[in-house]
Amino acid sequence: MRVYIAARAKNRVEEVKKIQKKLKSMGHTITYDWASANADIRRPYREPANRRHNSSAPAKMLRAAAEADVLILLDEPGLRGAYVELGAFLTDTLKRSNGRQVYIVGMDSHEREHIFESAEFVKFANNLDEVYSALSK
């Protein structure tokens, strides 16, 4: 399966790299390794020179999220960008839903509910082991 991981870059880059490595060892493909590309992203994002430098990154991430068969969202309070990637995936899933899945991972993620999680292909997991188990079937 083609997998995209959406998470907060500020504090989860190394975790995402480990998850990607595990998924690859399971035979899955990562649609875009933004965690490795993150080293070239300049902050603060809104500074004009940084905006120009980073201009191609959002399109790569959104395309990769939309093209995935599986999107794993590492949820946490205050998350913003990863929900944009979730939106790209959900929008594309309206066109072709066959077998695609979203896994929203986090102990309290069910408490931050919204209407877009209503679809039957949106699953909740307390931890990544649950996702690994589901993807190994």
Protein backbone atom coordinates (compact mmCIF):
# COMPACT_ATOMS: atom_id res chain seq x y z
CA MET A 1 0.00 0.00 0.00
CA ARG A 2 1.03 3.58 -0.59
CA VAL A 3 1.16 5.37 2.78
CA TYR A 4 1.42 9.00 3.85
CA ILE A 5 2.05 10.06 7.43
CA ALA A 6 0.68 13.40 8.62
CA ALA A 7 2.14 14.77 11.84
CA ARG A 8 3.50 17.88 13.48
CA ALA A 9 6.95 18.47 12.00
CA LYS A 10 8.06 20.59 14.94
CA ASN A 11 8.37 17.67 17.33
CA ARG A 12 7.68 14.40 15.49
CA VAL A 13 10.11 14.25 12.55
CA GLU A 14 12.29 11.52 14.05
CA GLU A 15 9.24 9.49 15.06
CA VAL A 16 7.86 9.76 11.51
CA LYS A 17 11.19 8.53 10.09
CA LYS A 18 11.01 5.45 12.35
CA ILE A 19 7.40 4.78 11.35
CA GLN A 20 8.30 5.08 7.67
CA LYS A 21 11.16 2.64 8.13
CA LYS A 22 8.83 0.13 9.83
CA LEU A 23 6.19 0.51 7.11
CA LYS A 24 8.78 -0.01 4.38
CA SER A 25 9.98 -3.16 6.13
CA MET A 26 6.37 -4.36 5.99
CA GLY A 27 6.37 -3.88 2.20
CA HIS A 28 4.56 -0.54 2.01
CA THR A 29 5.60 2.50 -0.02
CA ILE A 30 5.84 6.01 1.42
CA THR A 31 4.27 8.51 -0.99
CA TYR A 32 6.51 11.36 0.17
CA ASP A 33 9.23 11.42 2.81
CA TRP A 34 8.60 14.92 4.10
CA ALA A 35 10.40 14.06 7.34
CA SER A 36 13.72 13.82 5.49
CA ALA A 37 12.90 16.82 3.30
CA ASN A 38 12.05 18.81 6.45
CA ALA A 39 15.73 19.70 6.95
CA ASP A 40 15.47 22.00 3.91
CA ILE A 41 12.32 23.79 5.11
CA ARG A 42 13.00 27.29 6.40
CA ARG A 43 11.25 28.88 9.36
CA PRO A 44 9.50 31.07 10.18
CA TYR A 45 7.18 30.01 7.38
CA ARG A 46 5.63 33.45 6.84
CA GLU A 47 8.91 35.33 6.32
CA PRO A 48 8.94 36.38 2.62
CA ALA A 49 12.30 34.79 1.70
CA ASN A 50 11.31 31.57 3.46
CA ARG A 51 7.94 31.55 1.69
CA ARG A 52 9.71 31.67 -1.67
CA HIS A 53 12.19 28.98 -0.63
CA ASN A 54 9.44 26.66 0.70
CA SER A 55 6.96 27.30 -2.13
CA SER A 56 7.11 23.81 -3.67
CA ALA A 57 6.90 21.86 -0.39
CA PRO A 58 3.16 22.23 0.33
CA ALA A 59 2.19 20.99 -3.14
CA LYS A 60 4.41 17.91 -2.75
CA MET A 61 2.88 17.11 0.63
CA LEU A 62 -0.71 17.64 -0.48
CA ARG A 63 -0.26 15.58 -3.65
CA ALA A 64 1.38 12.77 -1.70
CA ALA A 65 -1.38 12.78 0.91
CA ALA A 66 -4.08 12.76 -1.79
CA GLU A 67 -2.42 9.91 -3.72
CA ALA A 68 -1.98 7.61 -0.72
CA ASP A 69 -4.00 4.45 -0.15
CA VAL A 70 -3.54 4.93 3.59
CA LEU A 71 -3.09 8.14 5.54
CA ILE A 72 -1.84 7.90 9.11
CA LEU A 73 -2.47 11.05 11.13
CA LEU A 74 -0.53 11.32 14.39
CA ASP A 75 -3.04 13.38 16.31
CA GLU A 76 -2.37 15.78 19.17
CA PRO A 77 -3.95 18.94 20.56
CA GLY A 78 -3.30 22.07 18.51
CA LEU A 79 -2.46 20.18 15.32
CA ARG A 80 -3.09 22.22 12.16
CA GLY A 81 -1.05 21.36 9.07
CA ALA A 82 -1.66 17.62 9.27
CA TYR A 83 -5.40 18.28 9.08
CA VAL A 84 -4.85 20.06 5.77
CA GLU A 85 -3.17 16.89 4.51
CA LEU A 86 -6.10 14.87 5.85
CA GLY A 87 -8.39 17.16 3.85
CA ALA A 88 -6.42 16.52 0.66
CA PHE A 89 -6.72 12.76 1.23
CA LEU A 90 -10.45 12.96 2.00
CA THR A 91 -11.12 15.12 -1.07
CA ASP A 92 -9.39 12.62 -3.34
CA THR A 93 -11.17 9.75 -1.61
CA LEU A 94 -14.49 11.23 -2.76
CA LYS A 95 -13.34 10.40 -6.30
CA ARG A 96 -11.88 6.95 -5.56
CA SER A 97 -12.54 5.37 -2.20
CA ASN A 98 -11.88 1.73 -3.01
CA GLY A 99 -10.04 0.23 -0.03
CA ARG A 100 -8.51 3.49 1.18
CA GLN A 101 -8.15 4.11 4.92
CA VAL A 102 -7.33 6.89 7.35
CA TYR A 103 -5.93 5.99 10.75
CA ILE A 104 -6.13 8.77 13.32
CA VAL A 105 -3.67 7.78 16.03
CA GLY A 106 -3.69 9.17 19.54
CA MET A 107 -5.05 8.25 22.95
CA ASP A 108 -7.44 11.22 23.08
CA SER A 109 -8.05 11.75 19.37
CA HIS A 110 -11.67 10.63 19.68
CA GLU A 111 -12.30 13.69 21.89
CA ARG A 112 -11.44 16.14 19.09
CA GLU A 113 -14.10 14.91 16.72
CA HIS A 114 -15.37 16.63 13.58
CA ILE A 115 -17.83 15.74 10.83
CA PHE A 116 -15.07 14.69 8.42
CA GLU A 117 -14.31 11.68 10.59
CA SER A 118 -17.77 10.21 9.95
CA ALA A 119 -16.82 8.20 6.87
CA GLU A 120 -16.53 4.44 7.35
CA PHE A 121 -12.94 4.48 6.08
CA VAL A 122 -11.81 6.70 8.98
CA LYS A 123 -10.46 4.54 11.81
CA PHE A 124 -9.18 5.48 15.25
CA ALA A 125 -6.20 3.85 16.93
CA ASN A 126 -4.78 4.40 20.39
CA ASN A 127 -1.27 3.57 19.18
CA LEU A 128 0.76 2.64 16.13
CA ASP A 129 0.80 -1.07 16.96
CA GLU A 130 -2.91 -1.13 16.16
CA VAL A 131 -2.18 0.45 12.77
CA TYR A 132 0.70 -1.93 12.04
CA SER A 133 -1.58 -4.85 12.86
CA ALA A 134 -4.33 -3.58 10.56
CA LEU A 135 -1.86 -2.97 7.71
CA SER A 136 -0.35 -6.43 7.99
CA LYS A 137 -3.64 -8.22 7.23
